[in-house]
Protein backbone atom coordinates (compact mmCIF):
# COMPACT_ATOMS: atom_id res chain seq x y z
CA MET A 1 0.00 0.00 0.00
CA SER A 2 1.34 3.36 -0.86
CA LEU A 3 0.83 6.34 1.38
CA GLN A 4 0.05 9.69 -0.28
CA THR A 5 0.81 12.87 1.65
CA ASN A 6 -0.60 16.29 0.64
CA ARG A 7 2.03 18.86 1.27
CA SER A 8 1.61 22.42 0.15
CA HIS A 9 4.43 24.36 -1.36
CA PRO A 10 6.01 26.80 1.14
CA SER A 11 5.52 29.84 -1.19
CA THR A 12 1.85 29.04 -1.66
CA ALA A 13 1.23 28.90 2.09
CA THR A 14 2.90 32.26 2.65
CA THR A 15 0.75 33.90 -0.02
CA ASP A 16 -2.41 32.57 1.56
CA ARG A 17 -1.48 33.95 4.97
CA ARG A 18 -0.81 37.41 3.52
CA ALA A 19 -4.12 37.40 1.70
CA ARG A 20 -6.01 36.52 4.88
CA ALA A 21 -4.17 39.24 6.84
CA ALA A 22 -4.96 41.86 4.18
CA ALA A 23 -8.60 40.83 4.24
CA VAL A 24 -8.68 41.39 7.99
CA VAL A 25 -6.90 44.83 7.88
CA ARG A 26 -8.63 46.33 4.81
CA PRO A 27 -11.93 48.07 5.83
CA ALA A 28 -15.05 47.27 4.02
CA PRO A 29 -16.07 49.85 1.41
CA LEU A 30 -18.58 52.48 2.65
CA ALA A 31 -22.11 52.25 1.53
CA GLY A 32 -23.86 55.18 -0.23
CA PRO A 33 -25.45 56.85 2.88
CA ALA A 34 -22.18 56.61 4.80
CA ARG A 35 -20.22 58.33 2.04
CA LEU A 36 -22.85 61.14 1.93
CA LEU A 37 -22.59 61.67 5.71
CA VAL A 38 -18.80 61.93 5.54
CA ALA A 39 -19.04 64.48 2.74
CA VAL A 40 -21.54 66.60 4.70
CA LEU A 41 -19.34 66.55 7.83
CA ALA A 42 -16.30 67.60 5.81
CA ALA A 43 -18.23 70.49 4.24
CA LEU A 44 -19.45 71.65 7.68
CA ALA A 45 -15.91 71.51 9.05
CA THR A 46 -14.63 73.64 6.16
CA LEU A 47 -17.43 76.19 6.63
CA ALA A 48 -16.76 76.43 10.35
CA ALA A 49 -13.06 77.02 9.76
CA THR A 50 -13.84 79.75 7.21
CA LEU A 51 -16.22 81.53 9.63
CA LEU A 52 -13.67 81.40 12.44
CA LEU A 53 -11.00 82.93 10.23
CA GLY A 54 -13.40 85.70 9.11
CA VAL A 55 -14.41 86.58 12.66
CA ALA A 56 -10.80 86.58 13.80
CA GLY A 57 -9.90 89.00 11.01
CA ALA A 58 -12.85 91.29 11.71
CA VAL A 59 -12.25 91.69 15.45
CA PRO A 60 -9.26 94.05 15.11
CA ALA A 61 -11.15 96.24 12.63
CA GLN A 62 -14.17 96.55 14.92
CA ALA A 63 -11.95 97.67 17.79
CA HIS A 64 -11.66 101.18 16.26
CA ASP A 65 -14.14 103.89 17.22
CA ARG A 66 -16.80 104.75 14.66
CA ILE A 67 -19.07 107.72 14.18
CA ILE A 68 -22.67 107.05 15.23
CA SER A 69 -24.35 110.30 14.21
CA SER A 70 -23.75 113.91 13.24
CA ASP A 71 -25.70 117.11 13.81
CA PRO A 72 -26.58 118.32 11.21
CA ALA A 73 -27.15 114.91 9.71
CA ASP A 74 -25.64 113.89 6.41
CA GLY A 75 -27.81 115.26 3.59
CA ALA A 76 -29.81 117.62 5.84
CA GLN A 77 -31.50 120.73 4.36
CA LEU A 78 -31.42 123.56 6.92
CA ALA A 79 -33.42 126.79 6.82
CA THR A 80 -30.91 128.57 9.06
CA ALA A 81 -27.25 128.04 9.84
CA PRO A 82 -26.50 125.67 12.77
CA ALA A 83 -24.85 126.99 15.90
CA ALA A 84 -22.25 124.21 15.84
CA LEU A 85 -21.32 120.86 14.32
CA THR A 86 -21.57 117.85 16.64
CA MET A 87 -20.19 114.38 15.87
CA THR A 88 -20.97 111.49 18.21
CA PHE A 89 -18.75 108.38 18.29
CA SER A 90 -19.20 104.85 19.64
CA THR A 91 -16.53 105.41 22.30
CA GLU A 92 -14.66 108.43 23.59
CA PRO A 93 -11.96 109.46 21.09
CA LEU A 94 -8.60 110.81 22.20
CA ALA A 95 -8.14 114.58 22.27
CA VAL A 96 -5.06 114.30 20.05
CA GLU A 97 -5.08 116.87 17.23
CA PRO A 98 -8.70 116.45 16.11
CA GLN A 99 -9.40 118.26 12.87
CA VAL A 100 -12.44 119.64 10.99
CA VAL A 101 -12.28 121.16 7.50
CA VAL A 102 -15.39 122.70 5.87
CA THR A 103 -15.55 123.27 2.10
CA ASP A 104 -18.26 124.79 -0.09
CA THR A 105 -19.61 123.53 -3.41
CA ALA A 106 -16.67 125.08 -5.25
CA GLY A 107 -14.24 123.10 -3.09
CA ALA A 108 -12.89 126.18 -1.32
CA VAL A 109 -12.06 125.84 2.38
CA VAL A 110 -14.39 128.17 4.27
CA ALA A 111 -13.70 127.03 7.84
CA GLN A 112 -11.28 124.76 9.65
CA GLY A 113 -10.04 124.11 13.15
CA SER A 114 -9.91 121.69 16.05
CA PRO A 115 -13.21 120.49 17.52
CA THR A 116 -13.70 120.20 21.26
CA ILE A 117 -13.77 116.61 22.56
CA GLU A 118 -16.27 116.08 25.39
CA GLY A 119 -17.02 112.46 26.20
CA THR A 120 -18.03 110.69 23.00
CA SER A 121 -18.82 113.96 21.18
CA ALA A 122 -16.68 116.34 19.14
CA THR A 123 -18.09 119.88 18.72
CA PHE A 124 -17.01 122.54 16.23
CA PRO A 125 -18.55 126.06 16.22
CA TRP A 126 -20.21 126.99 12.93
CA PRO A 127 -19.52 130.45 11.44
CA ALA A 128 -22.86 132.27 11.27
CA GLU A 129 -22.01 133.94 7.95
CA LEU A 130 -21.83 130.60 6.11
CA THR A 131 -25.27 130.33 4.49
CA GLY A 132 -26.80 129.82 1.07
CA ASP A 133 -24.67 126.86 -0.03
CA THR A 134 -24.01 123.13 0.40
CA TYR A 135 -21.08 122.37 2.70
CA THR A 136 -18.95 119.26 3.13
CA VAL A 137 -17.41 118.55 6.53
CA ALA A 138 -14.27 116.41 6.64
CA TRP A 139 -13.38 115.28 10.16
CA ARG A 140 -10.47 113.38 11.67
CA VAL A 141 -10.02 112.13 15.25
CA VAL A 142 -7.83 109.60 17.01
CA SER A 143 -9.63 106.45 18.11
CA SER A 144 -9.45 105.33 21.74
CA ASP A 145 -7.10 102.54 20.62
CA GLY A 146 -4.69 105.11 19.17
CA HIS A 147 -5.57 104.70 15.48
CA PRO A 148 -6.77 107.77 13.51
CA ILE A 149 -10.21 107.57 11.93
CA GLU A 150 -11.81 110.03 9.53
CA GLY A 151 -14.90 110.62 7.43
CA THR A 152 -17.11 113.22 5.73
CA PHE A 153 -20.73 114.35 5.69
CA SER A 154 -22.58 117.14 3.85
CA PHE A 155 -25.58 119.38 4.40
CA ALA A 156 -27.15 122.48 2.84
CA VAL A 157 -27.99 125.83 4.46
CA ALA A 158 -30.57 128.17 2.95
CA ALA A 159 -29.57 131.74 2.17
CA ALA A 160 -30.24 134.30 4.88
CA PRO A 161 -33.27 136.53 4.07
CA GLU A 162 -32.36 140.02 2.86
CA PRO A 163 -33.80 143.00 4.78
CA ALA A 164 -36.93 144.45 3.14
CA PRO A 165 -36.24 147.79 1.37
CA THR A 166 -37.77 150.90 2.96
CA THR A 167 -40.50 152.41 0.75
CA ALA A 168 -41.20 156.12 0.28
CA SER A 169 -44.56 155.83 2.05
CA GLU A 170 -42.88 154.33 5.13
CA GLU A 171 -40.35 157.18 5.16
CA THR A 172 -43.18 159.75 4.86
CA ALA A 173 -45.06 158.05 7.67
CA ALA A 174 -41.93 158.15 9.78
CA VAL A 175 -41.47 161.90 9.15
CA THR A 176 -45.13 162.95 9.51
CA PRO A 177 -45.45 162.32 13.29
CA SER A 178 -42.50 164.62 13.94
CA ALA A 179 -44.03 167.38 11.82
CA THR A 180 -47.34 166.93 13.59
CA GLU A 181 -45.67 167.11 16.97
CA ASP A 182 -43.86 170.32 15.99
CA THR A 183 -47.10 171.88 14.71
CA THR A 184 -48.94 170.87 17.88
CA THR A 185 -46.21 172.37 20.04
CA GLU A 186 -46.26 175.62 18.11
CA ALA A 187 -50.07 175.80 18.27
CA THR A 188 -50.03 175.20 22.01
CA THR A 189 -47.42 177.88 22.50
CA SER A 190 -49.27 180.41 20.38
CA ALA A 191 -52.60 179.62 22.04
CA ALA A 192 -51.29 180.34 25.52
CA PRO A 193 -52.85 183.64 26.85
CA GLU A 194 -50.51 186.58 26.99
CA GLU A 195 -50.96 189.41 29.44
CA PRO A 196 -51.10 192.80 27.72
CA GLU A 197 -48.30 195.19 28.46
CA GLY A 198 -50.76 198.05 28.99
CA ALA A 199 -52.35 196.28 31.93
CA ASP A 200 -48.95 195.98 33.61
CA ASP A 201 -48.26 199.70 33.11
CA GLU A 202 -51.73 200.67 34.36
CA GLY A 203 -51.29 198.56 37.46
CA ARG A 204 -47.96 200.19 38.16
CA SER A 205 -49.49 203.76 37.82
CA ILE A 206 -52.48 203.04 40.14
CA ALA A 207 -50.41 201.50 42.94
CA PRO A 208 -48.94 204.79 44.27
CA LEU A 209 -52.37 206.45 44.21
CA LEU A 210 -53.90 203.70 46.27
CA ILE A 211 -51.05 203.87 48.75
CA GLY A 212 -51.50 207.66 49.12
CA ILE A 213 -55.25 207.29 49.70
CA GLY A 214 -54.59 204.74 52.36
CA VAL A 215 -52.11 207.01 54.14
CA LEU A 216 -54.55 209.94 54.08
CA ALA A 217 -57.36 207.78 55.41
CA ALA A 218 -55.16 206.62 58.26
CA ALA A 219 -54.13 210.18 59.05
CA ALA A 220 -57.77 211.31 59.04
CA VAL A 221 -58.70 208.56 61.46
CA VAL A 222 -55.88 209.60 63.79
CA VAL A 223 -56.94 213.26 63.69
CA ALA A 224 -60.54 212.35 64.35
CA VAL A 225 -59.58 210.26 67.36
CA LEU A 226 -57.48 213.13 68.82
CA ILE A 227 -60.30 215.60 68.40
CA VAL A 228 -62.79 213.32 70.14
CA ARG A 229 -60.45 212.81 73.11
CA ARG A 230 -59.94 216.61 73.60
CA ARG A 231 -63.61 217.28 73.61
CA GLN A 232 -64.12 214.62 76.16
CA GLN A 233 -61.39 216.16 78.34
CA ASP A 234 -62.89 219.61 78.05
């Protein structure tokens, strides 16, 4: 009887072991829903990274002060000139060489200077003679973080009304009361009663006569009294 022995070739056995090991290590291919989920997660991760980078870049820019409002407002139409320009900022700017330059429609500089910083506001006095034009205000201040910021705004001011011309009738009316007053004064003066000069002279000529009559009457009374007393004594 012959014995038959099945012996595998050494190279064949090694190949089989490697194949089984690779089958164990290699992951199974993803199904359709799993691949879609992975793609969605990757897209969300990319979007999140992009948003984080954008926010990180915007934070330093938002640290600067910014203008909130101006008085007059940008584009305002004013009937009269404002007393002052007021600019309000988000935080208190530094009082380091603030600047305001005002130009008219022709581009000529009509006013410039340093505004007054009070809290979050910068105030610049407005020249009262600047009317009847559209003006552009260019401002510059130093932000609270030390960075300069600047901007512009414009507004229009109506022309100041011209004084109404004086008419001839108004001048005549203004002169007439004076003439009337003068006439009234003259009439009053002329209407006052005047004492005649003859009456004064006549009074002066009668006065001595009356005095003489009085003296004679007194003398007569004295004589009469003396006579009566003598008769009584006799």
